[in-house]
């Protein structure tokens, strides 16, 4: 006895079915909206927004480089001062000009993110850290750099 040969499908069909009754799949977001912005990019945007806000009143900030690093002590900021360890983990740092670099203000992303729970809190803390570092660089009190410092 010959076993019957099953019929072969003519061509593969495109999948168009509605799986599990949840509707057809579609785009996640409209085409004009970026689908993903990494946490690092979102954090850098907060730092640069704060810098831009301060730069309107302090034109000398145009000559200062703002950097965002993950954690203190690794990268262009070099090793930390051992005497500063008593104060805890820094949120930012001022690096004076030298070795072919302009003045730099470094903001550390992970320590700031750990201390905040929401995007709004993070934006406030980032602005406070940027104001503190700018004040240190200019030799002024933070309240004179931004009159709203500490009030929000």
Protein backbone atom coordinates (compact mmCIF):
# COMPACT_ATOMS: atom_id res chain seq x y z
CA UNK A 1 0.00 0.00 0.00
CA UNK A 2 1.17 3.40 -0.91
CA UNK A 3 0.84 6.05 1.75
CA UNK A 4 -0.90 9.16 0.57
CA UNK A 5 1.41 12.15 0.08
CA UNK A 6 0.13 15.23 1.88
CA UNK A 7 -0.53 18.22 -0.36
CA UNK A 8 2.19 20.86 -0.31
CA UNK A 9 1.26 24.45 0.35
CA UNK A 10 1.58 26.54 -2.78
CA UNK A 11 3.39 29.51 -1.21
CA UNK A 12 3.97 30.75 2.31
CA UNK A 13 1.27 33.16 3.30
CA UNK A 14 1.97 36.42 5.12
CA UNK A 15 0.89 36.41 8.75
CA UNK A 16 -2.15 38.58 9.06
CA UNK A 17 -4.04 36.96 11.84
CA UNK A 18 -5.25 38.50 15.04
CA UNK A 19 -3.43 36.48 17.70
CA UNK A 20 -5.24 35.93 20.98
CA UNK A 21 -8.01 38.37 20.07
CA UNK A 22 -5.97 41.47 20.95
CA UNK A 23 -6.16 43.22 17.63
CA UNK A 24 -3.73 43.63 14.80
CA UNK A 25 -0.24 44.78 15.52
CA UNK A 26 0.55 48.34 14.63
CA UNK A 27 3.17 50.99 15.19
CA UNK A 28 4.18 51.67 18.77
CA UNK A 29 4.49 55.41 18.28
CA UNK A 30 3.73 57.88 15.51
CA UNK A 31 6.53 58.23 12.93
CA UNK A 32 7.47 61.75 14.05
CA UNK A 33 8.20 60.65 17.64
CA UNK A 34 11.52 59.00 18.50
CA UNK A 35 10.84 55.51 19.80
CA UNK A 36 13.58 55.39 22.35
CA UNK A 37 15.66 57.90 24.16
CA UNK A 38 18.17 56.29 26.48
CA UNK A 39 18.34 57.31 30.12
CA UNK A 40 21.82 58.69 29.50
CA UNK A 41 20.57 60.87 26.64
CA UNK A 42 17.59 62.10 28.68
CA UNK A 43 19.92 62.95 31.56
CA UNK A 44 22.34 64.81 29.27
CA UNK A 45 19.38 66.79 27.91
CA UNK A 46 18.52 67.87 31.48
CA UNK A 47 22.10 69.04 32.06
CA UNK A 48 22.23 70.96 28.78
CA UNK A 49 18.80 72.53 29.39
CA UNK A 50 20.03 73.76 32.76
CA UNK A 51 23.24 75.08 31.19
CA UNK A 52 21.27 76.92 28.49
CA UNK A 53 19.01 78.47 31.12
CA UNK A 54 22.00 79.79 33.07
CA UNK A 55 23.95 80.84 29.98
CA UNK A 56 21.36 83.52 29.21
CA UNK A 57 22.47 85.40 32.35
CA UNK A 58 26.10 84.28 32.53
CA UNK A 59 27.63 84.64 29.08
CA UNK A 60 31.02 83.35 30.29
CA UNK A 61 29.49 79.86 30.48
CA UNK A 62 29.83 79.68 26.70
CA UNK A 63 33.55 79.11 27.36
CA UNK A 64 32.90 76.20 29.75
CA UNK A 65 32.52 72.58 28.69
CA UNK A 66 29.78 70.57 30.39
CA UNK A 67 30.35 66.82 30.66
CA UNK A 68 28.11 64.02 31.86
CA UNK A 69 29.88 60.96 33.27
CA UNK A 70 28.40 57.80 34.74
CA UNK A 71 30.25 57.78 38.07
CA UNK A 72 33.02 59.80 39.72
CA UNK A 73 36.65 58.82 39.37
CA UNK A 74 36.61 57.21 35.94
CA UNK A 75 37.23 59.07 32.73
CA UNK A 76 38.43 62.59 32.00
CA UNK A 77 37.75 63.80 35.55
CA UNK A 78 40.59 61.65 36.93
CA UNK A 79 40.88 60.27 40.44
CA UNK A 80 38.96 61.84 43.29
CA UNK A 81 40.54 63.79 46.11
CA UNK A 82 40.89 61.39 49.09
CA UNK A 83 39.95 64.19 51.50
CA UNK A 84 36.61 64.66 49.72
CA UNK A 85 35.55 61.05 50.42
CA UNK A 86 34.32 62.07 53.88
CA UNK A 87 31.57 64.11 52.21
CA UNK A 88 30.13 61.12 50.32
CA UNK A 89 29.73 60.54 46.62
CA UNK A 90 29.91 63.80 44.65
CA UNK A 91 27.14 64.74 42.24
CA UNK A 92 29.30 67.12 40.23
CA UNK A 93 32.75 68.57 39.95
CA UNK A 94 34.57 71.58 38.52
CA UNK A 95 37.77 70.94 36.57
CA UNK A 96 39.92 74.01 36.02
CA UNK A 97 41.39 74.80 32.64
CA UNK A 98 44.70 73.19 31.82
CA UNK A 99 46.41 70.63 29.60
CA UNK A 100 44.77 72.14 26.52
CA UNK A 101 41.26 71.99 28.00
CA UNK A 102 38.87 74.75 28.89
CA UNK A 103 37.16 74.91 32.27
CA UNK A 104 34.87 71.90 32.61
CA UNK A 105 31.87 71.13 34.77
CA UNK A 106 31.21 67.42 35.24
CA UNK A 107 27.85 66.06 36.38
CA UNK A 108 27.69 62.42 37.49
CA UNK A 109 24.60 60.65 36.20
CA UNK A 110 24.30 57.56 38.40
CA UNK A 111 24.64 59.31 41.79
CA UNK A 112 21.98 61.84 40.75
CA UNK A 113 19.62 59.16 39.40
CA UNK A 114 19.93 57.11 42.59
CA UNK A 115 18.84 60.10 44.70
CA UNK A 116 15.72 60.84 42.65
CA UNK A 117 12.51 58.92 41.98
CA UNK A 118 10.86 60.82 39.14
CA UNK A 119 11.88 62.83 36.10
CA UNK A 120 10.73 66.06 37.77
CA UNK A 121 12.84 65.41 40.88
CA UNK A 122 15.78 64.53 38.65
CA UNK A 123 15.41 67.77 36.67
CA UNK A 124 15.37 69.81 39.91
CA UNK A 125 18.40 68.04 41.34
CA UNK A 126 20.35 68.32 38.08
CA UNK A 127 19.66 72.06 37.96
CA UNK A 128 20.75 72.48 41.59
CA UNK A 129 23.98 70.58 40.97
CA UNK A 130 24.71 72.61 37.82
CA UNK A 131 24.03 75.86 39.71
CA UNK A 132 26.34 74.77 42.55
CA UNK A 133 29.15 73.89 40.15
CA UNK A 134 28.75 77.12 38.18
CA UNK A 135 28.80 79.07 41.44
CA UNK A 136 32.01 77.31 42.48
CA UNK A 137 33.60 78.03 39.10
CA UNK A 138 32.64 81.72 39.19
CA UNK A 139 33.43 82.12 42.90
CA UNK A 140 29.88 83.19 43.76
CA UNK A 141 27.10 81.98 46.03
CA UNK A 142 24.58 79.64 44.32
CA UNK A 143 21.76 82.09 45.15
CA UNK A 144 23.50 84.79 43.11
CA UNK A 145 23.88 82.46 40.12
CA UNK A 146 20.20 81.50 40.20
CA UNK A 147 17.90 83.40 42.58
CA UNK A 148 15.48 80.42 42.65
CA UNK A 149 18.19 78.09 43.97
CA UNK A 150 16.95 76.00 46.90
CA UNK A 151 13.36 77.29 46.70
CA UNK A 152 11.85 74.59 44.48
